[in-house]
Amino acid sequence: MPMQIIRADITRVHADAIVNSANRAPTFAEGVDARIYEAAGAELLLTEREKIGYLEIGEACVTPAFKLSAKYIFHVSSPRWVDGNHNEVQLLRQCYDKVLQMAVENHCESIAIAEDQRTSLNK
């Protein structure tokens, strides 16, 4: 499958799954995470995330995408860049590995991943 880079609102991307750099606790507040919740149906998505519970950094889970055009939302608890000496690269790699594993397990042919400024390693 070819890789394609696009600049778009992830809540409007047509893909089997979208990746949400989620809060560790089942909540949402701002940024891309909040836009995904709002577009998917905040109450529906929050109820589903509450069933899963807290995610440690580097962990991921899957929920239905509800009102989005995607089938699934892959929620990842990605690391925040500190200084490169706190396993940030390894934890971020773990997130991507889990996303790819969930894509295979859920028979996804396309996934959309938004860059999150909190986790960008280009600091």
PDB file of N, CA and C in Angstrom:
ATOM      1  N   MET A   1       0.848  -1.165   0.000  1.00  0.00           N
ATOM      2  CA  MET A   1       0.000   0.000   0.000  1.00  0.00           C
ATOM      3  C   MET A   1       0.900   1.237   0.000  1.00  0.00           C
ATOM      4  N   PRO A   2       0.662   2.179  -0.894  1.00  0.00           N
ATOM      5  CA  PRO A   2       1.476   3.384  -0.922  1.00  0.00           C
ATOM      6  C   PRO A   2       1.149   4.302   0.257  1.00  0.00           C
ATOM      7  N   MET A   3       2.145   5.052   0.638  1.00  0.00           N
ATOM      8  CA  MET A   3       1.943   6.028   1.699  1.00  0.00           C
ATOM      9  C   MET A   3       1.667   7.379   1.047  1.00  0.00           C
ATOM     10  N   GLN A   4       0.755   8.119   1.628  1.00  0.00           N
ATOM     11  CA  GLN A   4       0.404   9.426   1.104  1.00  0.00           C
ATOM     12  C   GLN A   4       0.385  10.416   2.260  1.00  0.00           C
ATOM     13  N   ILE A   5       0.998  11.549   2.067  1.00  0.00           N
ATOM     14  CA  ILE A   5       0.986  12.596   3.073  1.00  0.00           C
ATOM     15  C   ILE A   5       0.034  13.684   2.595  1.00  0.00           C
ATOM     16  N   ILE A   6      -0.936  14.009   3.446  1.00  0.00           N
ATOM     17  CA  ILE A   6      -1.895  15.056   3.105  1.00  0.00           C
ATOM     18  C   ILE A   6      -2.012  16.019   4.269  1.00  0.00           C
ATOM     19  N   ARG A   7      -2.413  17.212   3.976  1.00  0.00           N
ATOM     20  CA  ARG A   7      -2.697  18.204   5.020  1.00  0.00           C
ATOM     21  C   ARG A   7      -4.204  18.374   5.020  1.00  0.00           C
ATOM     22  N   ALA A   8      -4.829  17.904   6.075  1.00  0.00           N
ATOM     23  CA  ALA A   8      -6.286  17.966   6.150  1.00  0.00           C
ATOM     24  C   ALA A   8      -6.730  17.842   7.601  1.00  0.00           C
ATOM     25  N   ASP A   9      -7.975  18.156   7.816  1.00  0.00           N
ATOM     26  CA  ASP A   9      -8.610  17.960   9.111  1.00  0.00           C
ATOM     27  C   ASP A   9      -8.818  16.461   9.290  1.00  0.00           C
ATOM     28  N   ILE A  10      -8.183  15.867  10.276  1.00  0.00           N
ATOM     29  CA  ILE A  10      -8.237  14.413  10.444  1.00  0.00           C
ATOM     30  C   ILE A  10      -9.662  13.915  10.676  1.00  0.00           C
ATOM     31  N   THR A  11     -10.539  14.765  11.177  1.00  0.00           N
ATOM     32  CA  THR A  11     -11.918  14.334  11.409  1.00  0.00           C
ATOM     33  C   THR A  11     -12.689  14.194  10.101  1.00  0.00           C
ATOM     34  N   ARG A  12     -12.104  14.656   8.994  1.00  0.00           N
ATOM     35  CA  ARG A  12     -12.766  14.569   7.692  1.00  0.00           C
ATOM     36  C   ARG A  12     -12.071  13.612   6.732  1.00  0.00           C
ATOM     37  N   VAL A  13     -11.001  13.003   7.192  1.00  0.00           N
ATOM     38  CA  VAL A  13     -10.242  12.078   6.346  1.00  0.00           C
ATOM     39  C   VAL A  13     -10.995  10.758   6.235  1.00  0.00           C
ATOM     40  N   HIS A  14     -11.076  10.238   5.022  1.00  0.00           N
ATOM     41  CA  HIS A  14     -11.697   8.935   4.792  1.00  0.00           C
ATOM     42  C   HIS A  14     -10.611   7.871   4.896  1.00  0.00           C
ATOM     43  N   ALA A  15     -10.620   7.142   5.991  1.00  0.00           N
ATOM     44  CA  ALA A  15      -9.653   6.074   6.247  1.00  0.00           C
ATOM     45  C   ALA A  15     -10.337   5.035   7.117  1.00  0.00           C
ATOM     46  N   ASP A  16      -9.794   3.836   7.127  1.00  0.00           N
ATOM     47  CA  ASP A  16     -10.366   2.803   7.995  1.00  0.00           C
ATOM     48  C   ASP A  16     -10.211   3.193   9.462  1.00  0.00           C
ATOM     49  N   ALA A  17      -9.081   3.828   9.784  1.00  0.00           N
ATOM     50  CA  ALA A  17      -8.840   4.234  11.171  1.00  0.00           C
ATOM     51  C   ALA A  17      -8.126   5.569  11.196  1.00  0.00           C
ATOM     52  N   ILE A  18      -8.427   6.353  12.230  1.00  0.00           N
ATOM     53  CA  ILE A  18      -7.653   7.559  12.493  1.00  0.00           C
ATOM     54  C   ILE A  18      -6.963   7.366  13.833  1.00  0.00           C
ATOM     55  N   VAL A  19      -5.813   7.995  13.972  1.00  0.00           N
ATOM     56  CA  VAL A  19      -5.032   7.871  15.196  1.00  0.00           C
ATOM     57  C   VAL A  19      -5.163   9.164  15.985  1.00  0.00           C
ATOM     58  N   ASN A  20      -5.533   9.004  17.243  1.00  0.00           N
ATOM     59  CA  ASN A  20      -5.718  10.122  18.152  1.00  0.00           C
ATOM     60  C   ASN A  20      -4.638  10.064  19.229  1.00  0.00           C
ATOM     61  N   SER A  21      -3.823  11.099  19.311  1.00  0.00           N
ATOM     62  CA  SER A  21      -2.872  11.203  20.409  1.00  0.00           C
ATOM     63  C   SER A  21      -3.676  11.636  21.624  1.00  0.00           C
ATOM     64  N   ALA A  22      -4.064  10.661  22.412  1.00  0.00           N
ATOM     65  CA  ALA A  22      -5.083  10.844  23.448  1.00  0.00           C
ATOM     66  C   ALA A  22      -4.495  11.198  24.807  1.00  0.00           C
ATOM     67  N   ASN A  23      -5.361  11.710  25.640  1.00  0.00           N
ATOM     68  CA  ASN A  23      -5.024  11.898  27.042  1.00  0.00           C
ATOM     69  C   ASN A  23      -4.878  10.526  27.693  1.00  0.00           C
ATOM     70  N   ARG A  24      -4.087  10.446  28.747  1.00  0.00           N
ATOM     71  CA  ARG A  24      -3.909   9.174  29.443  1.00  0.00           C
ATOM     72  C   ARG A  24      -5.210   8.738  30.116  1.00  0.00           C
ATOM     73  N   ALA A  25      -5.916   9.678  30.706  1.00  0.00           N
ATOM     74  CA  ALA A  25      -7.201   9.388  31.342  1.00  0.00           C
ATOM     75  C   ALA A  25      -8.299   9.504  30.290  1.00  0.00           C
ATOM     76  N   PRO A  26      -9.414   8.813  30.483  1.00  0.00           N
ATOM     77  CA  PRO A  26     -10.510   8.908  29.516  1.00  0.00           C
ATOM     78  C   PRO A  26     -11.227  10.249  29.618  1.00  0.00           C
ATOM     79  N   THR A  27     -10.644  11.252  29.005  1.00  0.00           N
ATOM     80  CA  THR A  27     -11.192  12.609  29.004  1.00  0.00           C
ATOM     81  C   THR A  27     -10.670  13.336  27.785  1.00  0.00           C
ATOM     82  N   PHE A  28     -11.229  14.482  27.511  1.00  0.00           N
ATOM     83  CA  PHE A  28     -10.708  15.322  26.431  1.00  0.00           C
ATOM     84  C   PHE A  28     -10.859  16.771  26.839  1.00  0.00           C
ATOM     85  N   ALA A  29      -9.987  17.610  26.291  1.00  0.00           N
ATOM     86  CA  ALA A  29     -10.026  19.004  26.705  1.00  0.00           C
ATOM     87  C   ALA A  29      -9.786  19.983  25.568  1.00  0.00           C
ATOM     88  N   GLU A  30      -8.764  19.739  24.759  1.00  0.00           N
ATOM     89  CA  GLU A  30      -8.404  20.731  23.747  1.00  0.00           C
ATOM     90  C   GLU A  30      -7.719  20.073  22.563  1.00  0.00           C
ATOM     91  N   GLY A  31      -7.452  20.879  21.560  1.00  0.00           N
ATOM     92  CA  GLY A  31      -6.673  20.446  20.412  1.00  0.00           C
ATOM     93  C   GLY A  31      -7.356  19.396  19.552  1.00  0.00           C
ATOM     94  N   VAL A  32      -6.528  18.610  18.865  1.00  0.00           N
ATOM     95  CA  VAL A  32      -7.017  17.578  17.948  1.00  0.00           C
ATOM     96  C   VAL A  32      -7.881  16.565  18.696  1.00  0.00           C
ATOM     97  N   ASP A  33      -7.470  16.197  19.888  1.00  0.00           N
ATOM     98  CA  ASP A  33      -8.229  15.237  20.698  1.00  0.00           C
ATOM     99  C   ASP A  33      -9.675  15.710  20.877  1.00  0.00           C
ATOM    100  N   ALA A  34      -9.858  16.961  21.256  1.00  0.00           N
ATOM    101  CA  ALA A  34     -11.208  17.504  21.456  1.00  0.00           C
ATOM    102  C   ALA A  34     -11.989  17.539  20.151  1.00  0.00           C
ATOM    103  N   ARG A  35     -11.319  17.899  19.049  1.00  0.00           N
ATOM    104  CA  ARG A  35     -12.020  17.938  17.754  1.00  0.00           C
ATOM    105  C   ARG A  35     -12.484  16.542  17.340  1.00  0.00           C
ATOM    106  N   ILE A  36     -11.666  15.534  17.612  1.00  0.00           N
ATOM    107  CA  ILE A  36     -12.052  14.159  17.287  1.00  0.00           C
ATOM    108  C   ILE A  36     -13.268  13.750  18.113  1.00  0.00           C
ATOM    109  N   TYR A  37     -13.246  14.024  19.408  1.00  0.00           N
ATOM    110  CA  TYR A  37     -14.387  13.689  20.264  1.00  0.00           C
ATOM    111  C   TYR A  37     -15.653  14.378  19.780  1.00  0.00           C
ATOM    112  N   GLU A  38     -15.549  15.673  19.499  1.00  0.00           N
ATOM    113  CA  GLU A  38     -16.725  16.428  19.064  1.00  0.00           C
ATOM    114  C   GLU A  38     -17.280  15.891  17.750  1.00  0.00           C
ATOM    115  N   ALA A  39     -16.415  15.600  16.795  1.00  0.00           N
ATOM    116  CA  ALA A  39     -16.862  15.116  15.490  1.00  0.00           C
ATOM    117  C   ALA A  39     -17.422  13.698  15.565  1.00  0.00           C
ATOM    118  N   ALA A  40     -16.865  12.874  16.458  1.00  0.00           N
ATOM    119  CA  ALA A  40     -17.321  11.483  16.584  1.00  0.00           C
ATOM    120  C   ALA A  40     -18.620  11.374  17.368  1.00  0.00           C
ATOM    121  N   GLY A  41     -18.880  12.356  18.214  1.00  0.00           N
ATOM    122  CA  GLY A  41     -20.002  12.305  19.151  1.00  0.00           C
ATOM    123  C   GLY A  41     -19.405  12.149  20.533  1.00  0.00           C
ATOM    124  N   ALA A  42     -19.188  13.256  21.203  1.00  0.00           N
ATOM    125  CA  ALA A  42     -18.426  13.276  22.452  1.00  0.00           C
ATOM    126  C   ALA A  42     -18.940  12.291  23.499  1.00  0.00           C
ATOM    127  N   GLU A  43     -20.243  12.254  23.718  1.00  0.00           N
ATOM    128  CA  GLU A  43     -20.781  11.352  24.748  1.00  0.00           C
ATOM    129  C   GLU A  43     -20.538   9.890  24.399  1.00  0.00           C
ATOM    130  N   LEU A  44     -20.789   9.533  23.143  1.00  0.00           N
ATOM    131  CA  LEU A  44     -20.587   8.147  22.709  1.00  0.00           C
ATOM    132  C   LEU A  44     -19.129   7.729  22.874  1.00  0.00           C
ATOM    133  N   LEU A  45     -18.230   8.575  22.380  1.00  0.00           N
ATOM    134  CA  LEU A  45     -16.812   8.240  22.424  1.00  0.00           C
ATOM    135  C   LEU A  45     -16.280   8.227  23.849  1.00  0.00           C
ATOM    136  N   LEU A  46     -16.679   9.186  24.651  1.00  0.00           N
ATOM    137  CA  LEU A  46     -16.210   9.231  26.032  1.00  0.00           C
ATOM    138  C   LEU A  46     -16.690   8.006  26.810  1.00  0.00           C
ATOM    139  N   THR A  47     -17.920   7.587  26.601  1.00  0.00           N
ATOM    140  CA  THR A  47     -18.440   6.379  27.260  1.00  0.00           C
ATOM    141  C   THR A  47     -17.599   5.163  26.895  1.00  0.00           C
ATOM    142  N   GLU A  48     -17.240   5.051  25.628  1.00  0.00           N
ATOM    143  CA  GLU A  48     -16.423   3.916  25.167  1.00  0.00           C
ATOM    144  C   GLU A  48     -15.018   3.978  25.758  1.00  0.00           C
ATOM    145  N   ARG A  49     -14.422   5.177  25.791  1.00  0.00           N
ATOM    146  CA  ARG A  49     -13.074   5.338  26.353  1.00  0.00           C
ATOM    147  C   ARG A  49     -13.065   5.058  27.848  1.00  0.00           C
ATOM    148  N   GLU A  50     -14.141   5.423  28.545  1.00  0.00           N
ATOM    149  CA  GLU A  50     -14.211   5.156  29.982  1.00  0.00           C
ATOM    150  C   GLU A  50     -14.206   3.657  30.266  1.00  0.00           C
ATOM    151  N   LYS A  51     -14.761   2.859  29.379  1.00  0.00           N
ATOM    152  CA  LYS A  51     -14.736   1.398  29.542  1.00  0.00           C
ATOM    153  C   LYS A  51     -13.310   0.869  29.495  1.00  0.00           C
ATOM    154  N   ILE A  52     -12.447   1.526  28.733  1.00  0.00           N
ATOM    155  CA  ILE A  52     -11.057   1.093  28.578  1.00  0.00           C
ATOM    156  C   ILE A  52     -10.218   1.581  29.743  1.00  0.00           C
ATOM    157  N   GLY A  53     -10.466   2.814  30.171  1.00  0.00           N
ATOM    158  CA  GLY A  53      -9.754   3.354  31.319  1.00  0.00           C
ATOM    159  C   GLY A  53      -8.448   4.042  30.975  1.00  0.00           C
ATOM    160  N   TYR A  54      -7.606   4.120  31.953  1.00  0.00           N
ATOM    161  CA  TYR A  54      -6.334   4.848  31.893  1.00  0.00           C
ATOM    162  C   TYR A  54      -5.351   4.151  30.962  1.00  0.00           C
ATOM    163  N   LEU A  55      -4.621   4.925  30.163  1.00  0.00           N
ATOM    164  CA  LEU A  55      -3.575   4.391  29.279  1.00  0.00           C
ATOM    165  C   LEU A  55      -2.218   4.898  29.739  1.00  0.00           C
ATOM    166  N   GLU A  56      -1.312   3.980  29.990  1.00  0.00           N
ATOM    167  CA  GLU A  56       0.058   4.383  30.307  1.00  0.00           C
ATOM    168  C   GLU A  56       0.694   4.950  29.045  1.00  0.00           C
ATOM    169  N   ILE A  57       1.718   5.755  29.202  1.00  0.00           N
ATOM    170  CA  ILE A  57       2.425   6.294  28.045  1.00  0.00           C
ATOM    171  C   ILE A  57       2.990   5.124  27.239  1.00  0.00           C
ATOM    172  N   GLY A  58       2.760   5.170  25.930  1.00  0.00           N
ATOM    173  CA  GLY A  58       3.197   4.099  25.045  1.00  0.00           C
ATOM    174  C   GLY A  58       2.116   3.072  24.773  1.00  0.00           C
ATOM    175  N   GLU A  59       0.998   3.150  25.490  1.00  0.00           N
ATOM    176  CA  GLU A  59      -0.109   2.217  25.302  1.00  0.00           C
ATOM    177  C   GLU A  59      -1.104   2.759  24.275  1.00  0.00           C
ATOM    178  N   ALA A  60      -1.924   1.865  23.748  1.00  0.00           N
ATOM    179  CA  ALA A  60      -2.919   2.241  22.744  1.00  0.00           C
ATOM    180  C   ALA A  60      -4.159   1.374  22.903  1.00  0.00           C
ATOM    181  N   CYS A  61      -5.279   1.890  22.405  1.00  0.00           N
ATOM    182  CA  CYS A  61      -6.523   1.137  22.418  1.00  0.00           C
ATOM    183  C   CYS A  61      -7.338   1.529  21.190  1.00  0.00           C
ATOM    184  N   VAL A  62      -8.386   0.789  20.929  1.00  0.00           N
ATOM    185  CA  VAL A  62      -9.227   1.055  19.764  1.00  0.00           C
ATOM    186  C   VAL A  62     -10.677   1.226  20.206  1.00  0.00           C
ATOM    187  N   THR A  63     -11.357   2.180  19.579  1.00  0.00           N
ATOM    188  CA  THR A  63     -12.791   2.367  19.788  1.00  0.00           C
ATOM    189  C   THR A  63     -13.444   2.509  18.423  1.00  0.00           C
ATOM    190  N   PRO A  64     -14.765   2.345  18.377  1.00  0.00           N
ATOM    191  CA  PRO A  64     -15.470   2.683  17.138  1.00  0.00           C
ATOM    192  C   PRO A  64     -15.296   4.180  16.860  1.00  0.00           C
ATOM    193  N   ALA A  65     -15.485   4.568  15.616  1.00  0.00           N
ATOM    194  CA  ALA A  65     -15.342   5.980  15.243  1.00  0.00           C
ATOM    195  C   ALA A  65     -16.674   6.725  15.288  1.00  0.00           C
ATOM    196  N   PHE A  66     -17.751   6.007  15.560  1.00  0.00           N
ATOM    197  CA  PHE A  66     -19.086   6.590  15.698  1.00  0.00           C
ATOM    198  C   PHE A  66     -19.452   7.459  14.503  1.00  0.00           C
ATOM    199  N   LYS A  67     -19.556   8.775  14.662  1.00  0.00           N
ATOM    200  CA  LYS A  67     -20.055   9.650  13.598  1.00  0.00           C
ATOM    201  C   LYS A  67     -19.003  10.057  12.559  1.00  0.00           C
ATOM    202  N   LEU A  68     -17.769   9.623  12.736  1.00  0.00           N
ATOM    203  CA  LEU A  68     -16.724   9.927  11.766  1.00  0.00           C
ATOM    204  C   LEU A  68     -16.859   9.010  10.554  1.00  0.00           C
ATOM    205  N   SER A  69     -16.199   9.363   9.468  1.00  0.00           N
ATOM    206  CA  SER A  69     -16.252   8.510   8.281  1.00  0.00           C
ATOM    207  C   SER A  69     -15.329   7.298   8.428  1.00  0.00           C
ATOM    208  N   ALA A  70     -14.445   7.301   9.394  1.00  0.00           N
ATOM    209  CA  ALA A  70     -13.575   6.158   9.669  1.00  0.00           C
ATOM    210  C   ALA A  70     -14.370   5.060  10.384  1.00  0.00           C
ATOM    211  N   LYS A  71     -13.799   3.856  10.412  1.00  0.00           N
ATOM    212  CA  LYS A  71     -14.418   2.754  11.161  1.00  0.00           C
ATOM    213  C   LYS A  71     -13.961   2.770  12.623  1.00  0.00           C
ATOM    214  N   TYR A  72     -12.687   3.132  12.833  1.00  0.00           N
ATOM    215  CA  TYR A  72     -12.087   3.037  14.160  1.00  0.00           C
ATOM    216  C   TYR A  72     -11.316   4.304  14.507  1.00  0.00           C
ATOM    217  N   ILE A  73     -11.152   4.499  15.806  1.00  0.00           N
ATOM    218  CA  ILE A  73     -10.207   5.485  16.318  1.00  0.00           C
ATOM    219  C   ILE A  73      -9.190   4.698  17.142  1.00  0.00           C
ATOM    220  N   PHE A  74      -7.924   4.856  16.803  1.00  0.00           N
ATOM    221  CA  PHE A  74      -6.851   4.272  17.587  1.00  0.00           C
ATOM    222  C   PHE A  74      -6.334   5.376  18.511  1.00  0.00           C
ATOM    223  N   HIS A  75      -6.493   5.186  19.799  1.00  0.00           N
ATOM    224  CA  HIS A  75      -6.074   6.166  20.797  1.00  0.00           C
ATOM    225  C   HIS A  75      -4.701   5.757  21.319  1.00  0.00           C
ATOM    226  N   VAL A  76      -3.743   6.653  21.237  1.00  0.00           N
ATOM    227  CA  VAL A  76      -2.404   6.353  21.741  1.00  0.00           C
ATOM    228  C   VAL A  76      -2.018   7.384  22.792  1.00  0.00           C
ATOM    229  N   SER A  77      -1.417   6.895  23.845  1.00  0.00           N
ATOM    230  CA  SER A  77      -0.916   7.778  24.891  1.00  0.00           C
ATOM    231  C   SER A  77       0.552   8.022  24.587  1.00  0.00           C
ATOM    232  N   SER A  78       0.786   9.042  23.802  1.00  0.00           N
ATOM    233  CA  SER A  78       2.139   9.302  23.316  1.00  0.00           C
ATOM    234  C   SER A  78       2.946  10.129  24.315  1.00  0.00           C
ATOM    235  N   PRO A  79       4.273   9.989  24.240  1.00  0.00           N
ATOM    236  CA  PRO A  79       5.130  10.724  25.175  1.00  0.00           C
ATOM    237  C   PRO A  79       5.234  12.193  24.813  1.00  0.00           C
ATOM    238  N   ARG A  80       5.540  12.985  25.799  1.00  0.00           N
ATOM    239  CA  ARG A  80       5.884  14.390  25.566  1.00  0.00           C
ATOM    240  C   ARG A  80       7.407  14.481  25.521  1.00  0.00           C
ATOM    241  N   TRP A  81       7.895  15.279  24.601  1.00  0.00           N
ATOM    242  CA  TRP A  81       9.333  15.467  24.469  1.00  0.00           C
ATOM    243  C   TRP A  81       9.844  16.256  25.667  1.00  0.00           C
ATOM    244  N   VAL A  82      10.855  15.711  26.328  1.00  0.00           N
ATOM    245  CA  VAL A  82      11.482  16.413  27.440  1.00  0.00           C
ATOM    246  C   VAL A  82      12.865  16.883  26.983  1.00  0.00           C
ATOM    247  N   ASP A  83      13.753  15.921  26.788  1.00  0.00           N
ATOM    248  CA  ASP A  83      15.114  16.266  26.369  1.00  0.00           C
ATOM    249  C   ASP A  83      15.774  15.127  25.597  1.00  0.00           C
ATOM    250  N   GLY A  84      15.017  14.083  25.300  1.00  0.00           N
ATOM    251  CA  GLY A  84      15.577  12.941  24.584  1.00  0.00           C
ATOM    252  C   GLY A  84      16.199  11.893  25.488  1.00  0.00           C
ATOM    253  N   ASN A  85      16.248  12.168  26.776  1.00  0.00           N
ATOM    254  CA  ASN A  85      16.862  11.237  27.730  1.00  0.00           C
ATOM    255  C   ASN A  85      15.830  10.537  28.609  1.00  0.00           C
ATOM    256  N   HIS A  86      14.564  10.599  28.223  1.00  0.00           N
ATOM    257  CA  HIS A  86      13.490   9.999  29.020  1.00  0.00           C
ATOM    258  C   HIS A  86      12.698   8.976  28.189  1.00  0.00           C
ATOM    259  N   ASN A  87      13.393   8.253  27.345  1.00  0.00           N
ATOM    260  CA  ASN A  87      12.807   7.198  26.498  1.00  0.00           C
ATOM    261  C   ASN A  87      11.740   7.702  25.532  1.00  0.00           C
ATOM    262  N   GLU A  88      11.773   8.985  25.176  1.00  0.00           N
ATOM    263  CA  GLU A  88      10.747   9.529  24.292  1.00  0.00           C
ATOM    264  C   GLU A  88      10.710   8.815  22.948  1.00  0.00           C
ATOM    265  N   VAL A  89      11.875   8.591  22.350  1.00  0.00           N
ATOM    266  CA  VAL A  89      11.918   7.960  21.028  1.00  0.00           C
ATOM    267  C   VAL A  89      11.390   6.532  21.102  1.00  0.00           C
ATOM    268  N   GLN A  90      11.816   5.779  22.097  1.00  0.00           N
ATOM    269  CA  GLN A  90      11.360   4.399  22.248  1.00  0.00           C
ATOM    270  C   GLN A  90       9.858   4.331  22.497  1.00  0.00           C
ATOM    271  N   LEU A  91       9.357   5.212  23.340  1.00  0.00           N
ATOM    272  CA  LEU A  91       7.920   5.213  23.633  1.00  0.00           C
ATOM    273  C   LEU A  91       7.098   5.609  22.411  1.00  0.00           C
ATOM    274  N   LEU A  92       7.587   6.574  21.647  1.00  0.00           N
ATOM    275  CA  LEU A  92       6.873   6.962  20.432  1.00  0.00           C
ATOM    276  C   LEU A  92       6.895   5.826  19.418  1.00  0.00           C
ATOM    277  N   ARG A  93       8.025   5.152  19.284  1.00  0.00           N
ATOM    278  CA  ARG A  93       8.111   3.987  18.394  1.00  0.00           C
ATOM    279  C   ARG A  93       7.119   2.910  18.846  1.00  0.00           C
ATOM    280  N   GLN A  94       7.015   2.704  20.151  1.00  0.00           N
ATOM    281  CA  GLN A  94       6.064   1.734  20.699  1.00  0.00           C
ATOM    282  C   GLN A  94       4.635   2.102  20.292  1.00  0.00           C
ATOM    283  N   CYS A  95       4.319   3.394  20.323  1.00  0.00           N
ATOM    284  CA  CYS A  95       2.986   3.850  19.903  1.00  0.00           C
ATOM    285  C   CYS A  95       2.725   3.486  18.447  1.00  0.00           C
ATOM    286  N   TYR A  96       3.675   3.785  17.566  1.00  0.00           N
ATOM    287  CA  TYR A  96       3.505   3.471  16.149  1.00  0.00           C
ATOM    288  C   TYR A  96       3.399   1.969  15.927  1.00  0.00           C
ATOM    289  N   ASP A  97       4.211   1.199  16.636  1.00  0.00           N
ATOM    290  CA  ASP A  97       4.133  -0.262  16.517  1.00  0.00           C
ATOM    291  C   ASP A  97       2.742  -0.765  16.907  1.00  0.00           C
ATOM    292  N   LYS A  98       2.199  -0.231  17.977  1.00  0.00           N
ATOM    293  CA  LYS A  98       0.865  -0.650  18.428  1.00  0.00           C
ATOM    294  C   LYS A  98      -0.212  -0.238  17.428  1.00  0.00           C
ATOM    295  N   VAL A  99      -0.077   0.952  16.856  1.00  0.00           N
ATOM    296  CA  VAL A  99      -1.034   1.396  15.839  1.00  0.00           C
ATOM    297  C   VAL A  99      -1.014   0.437  14.647  1.00  0.00           C
ATOM    298  N   LEU A 100       0.170   0.076  14.193  1.00  0.00           N
ATOM    299  CA  LEU A 100       0.269  -0.835  13.051  1.00  0.00           C
ATOM    300  C   LEU A 100      -0.280  -2.220  13.400  1.00  0.00           C
ATOM    301  N   GLN A 101      -0.023  -2.675  14.610  1.00  0.00           N
ATOM    302  CA  GLN A 101      -0.564  -3.960  15.061  1.00  0.00           C
ATOM    303  C   GLN A 101      -2.094  -3.920  15.092  1.00  0.00           C
ATOM    304  N   MET A 102      -2.669  -2.840  15.628  1.00  0.00           N
ATOM    305  CA  MET A 102      -4.131  -2.720  15.676  1.00  0.00           C
ATOM    306  C   MET A 102      -4.711  -2.631  14.263  1.00  0.00           C
ATOM    307  N   ALA A 103      -3.989  -1.990  13.350  1.00  0.00           N
ATOM    308  CA  ALA A 103      -4.452  -1.903  11.965  1.00  0.00           C
ATOM    309  C   ALA A 103      -4.545  -3.290  11.351  1.00  0.00           C
ATOM    310  N   VAL A 104      -3.557  -4.117  11.594  1.00  0.00           N
ATOM    311  CA  VAL A 104      -3.577  -5.496  11.077  1.00  0.00           C
ATOM    312  C   VAL A 104      -4.712  -6.285  11.726  1.00  0.00           C
ATOM    313  N   GLU A 105      -4.823  -6.203  13.045  1.00  0.00           N
ATOM    314  CA  GLU A 105      -5.856  -6.950  13.768  1.00  0.00           C
ATOM    315  C   GLU A 105      -7.269  -6.556  13.353  1.00  0.00           C
ATOM    316  N   ASN A 106      -7.450  -5.308  12.932  1.00  0.00           N
ATOM    317  CA  ASN A 106      -8.775  -4.817  12.553  1.00  0.00           C
ATOM    318  C   ASN A 106      -8.962  -4.741  11.036  1.00  0.00           C
ATOM    319  N   HIS A 107      -8.043  -5.370  10.302  1.00  0.00           N
ATOM    320  CA  HIS A 107      -8.123  -5.469   8.836  1.00  0.00           C
ATOM    321  C   HIS A 107      -8.221  -4.102   8.165  1.00  0.00           C
ATOM    322  N   CYS A 108      -7.463  -3.156   8.667  1.00  0.00           N
ATOM    323  CA  CYS A 108      -7.470  -1.804   8.104  1.00  0.00           C
ATOM    324  C   CYS A 108      -6.535  -1.740   6.901  1.00  0.00           C
ATOM    325  N   GLU A 109      -7.019  -1.120   5.867  1.00  0.00           N
ATOM    326  CA  GLU A 109      -6.191  -0.891   4.682  1.00  0.00           C
ATOM    327  C   GLU A 109      -5.669   0.531   4.641  1.00  0.00           C
ATOM    328  N   SER A 110      -6.250   1.413   5.450  1.00  0.00           N
ATOM    329  CA  SER A 110      -5.786   2.803   5.480  1.00  0.00           C
ATOM    330  C   SER A 110      -5.909   3.349   6.899  1.00  0.00           C
ATOM    331  N   ILE A 111      -4.905   4.126   7.292  1.00  0.00           N
ATOM    332  CA  ILE A 111      -4.934   4.798   8.588  1.00  0.00           C
ATOM    333  C   ILE A 111      -4.462   6.236   8.388  1.00  0.00           C
ATOM    334  N   ALA A 112      -5.006   7.125   9.183  1.00  0.00           N
ATOM    335  CA  ALA A 112      -4.607   8.534   9.143  1.00  0.00           C
ATOM    336  C   ALA A 112      -4.028   8.901  10.503  1.00  0.00           C
ATOM    337  N   ILE A 113      -2.843   9.487  10.468  1.00  0.00           N
ATOM    338  CA  ILE A 113      -2.149   9.877  11.693  1.00  0.00           C
ATOM    339  C   ILE A 113      -1.883  11.365  11.625  1.00  0.00           C
ATOM    340  N   ALA A 114      -2.373  12.081  12.609  1.00  0.00           N
ATOM    341  CA  ALA A 114      -2.136  13.520  12.665  1.00  0.00           C
ATOM    342  C   ALA A 114      -0.899  13.791  13.495  1.00  0.00           C
ATOM    343  N   GLU A 115      -0.129  14.759  13.073  1.00  0.00           N
ATOM    344  CA  GLU A 115       1.007  15.173  13.881  1.00  0.00           C
ATOM    345  C   GLU A 115       0.464  15.933  15.079  1.00  0.00           C
ATOM    346  N   ASP A 116       0.959  15.600  16.225  1.00  0.00           N
ATOM    347  CA  ASP A 116       0.585  16.297  17.453  1.00  0.00           C
ATOM    348  C   ASP A 116       1.807  17.083  17.906  1.00  0.00           C
ATOM    349  N   GLN A 117       1.658  18.373  18.050  1.00  0.00           N
ATOM    350  CA  GLN A 117       2.787  19.222  18.415  1.00  0.00           C
ATOM    351  C   GLN A 117       3.386  18.830  19.757  1.00  0.00           C
ATOM    352  N   ARG A 118       2.625  18.157  20.621  1.00  0.00           N
ATOM    353  CA  ARG A 118       3.166  17.753  21.921  1.00  0.00           C
ATOM    354  C   ARG A 118       4.210  16.669  21.766  1.00  0.00           C
ATOM    355  N   THR A 119       4.098  15.847  20.692  1.00  0.00           N
ATOM    356  CA  THR A 119       4.987  14.692  20.574  1.00  0.00           C
ATOM    357  C   THR A 119       6.008  14.832  19.472  1.00  0.00           C
ATOM    358  N   SER A 120       5.990  15.919  18.754  1.00  0.00           N
ATOM    359  CA  SER A 120       6.936  16.084  17.659  1.00  0.00           C
ATOM    360  C   SER A 120       8.352  16.007  18.202  1.00  0.00           C
ATOM    361  N   LEU A 121       9.168  15.171  17.576  1.00  0.00           N
ATOM    362  CA  LEU A 121      10.548  15.001  18.042  1.00  0.00           C
ATOM    363  C   LEU A 121      11.494  15.968  17.359  1.00  0.00           C
ATOM    364  N   ASN A 122      10.960  16.883  16.602  1.00  0.00           N
ATOM    365  CA  ASN A 122      11.795  17.879  15.918  1.00  0.00           C
ATOM    366  C   ASN A 122      11.941  19.124  16.778  1.00  0.00           C
ATOM    367  N   LYS A 123      12.320  18.965  17.989  1.00  0.00           N
ATOM    368  CA  LYS A 123      12.460  20.097  18.919  1.00  0.00           C
ATOM    369  C   LYS A 123      13.869  20.639  18.836  1.00  0.00           C
TER     370      LYS A 123
END
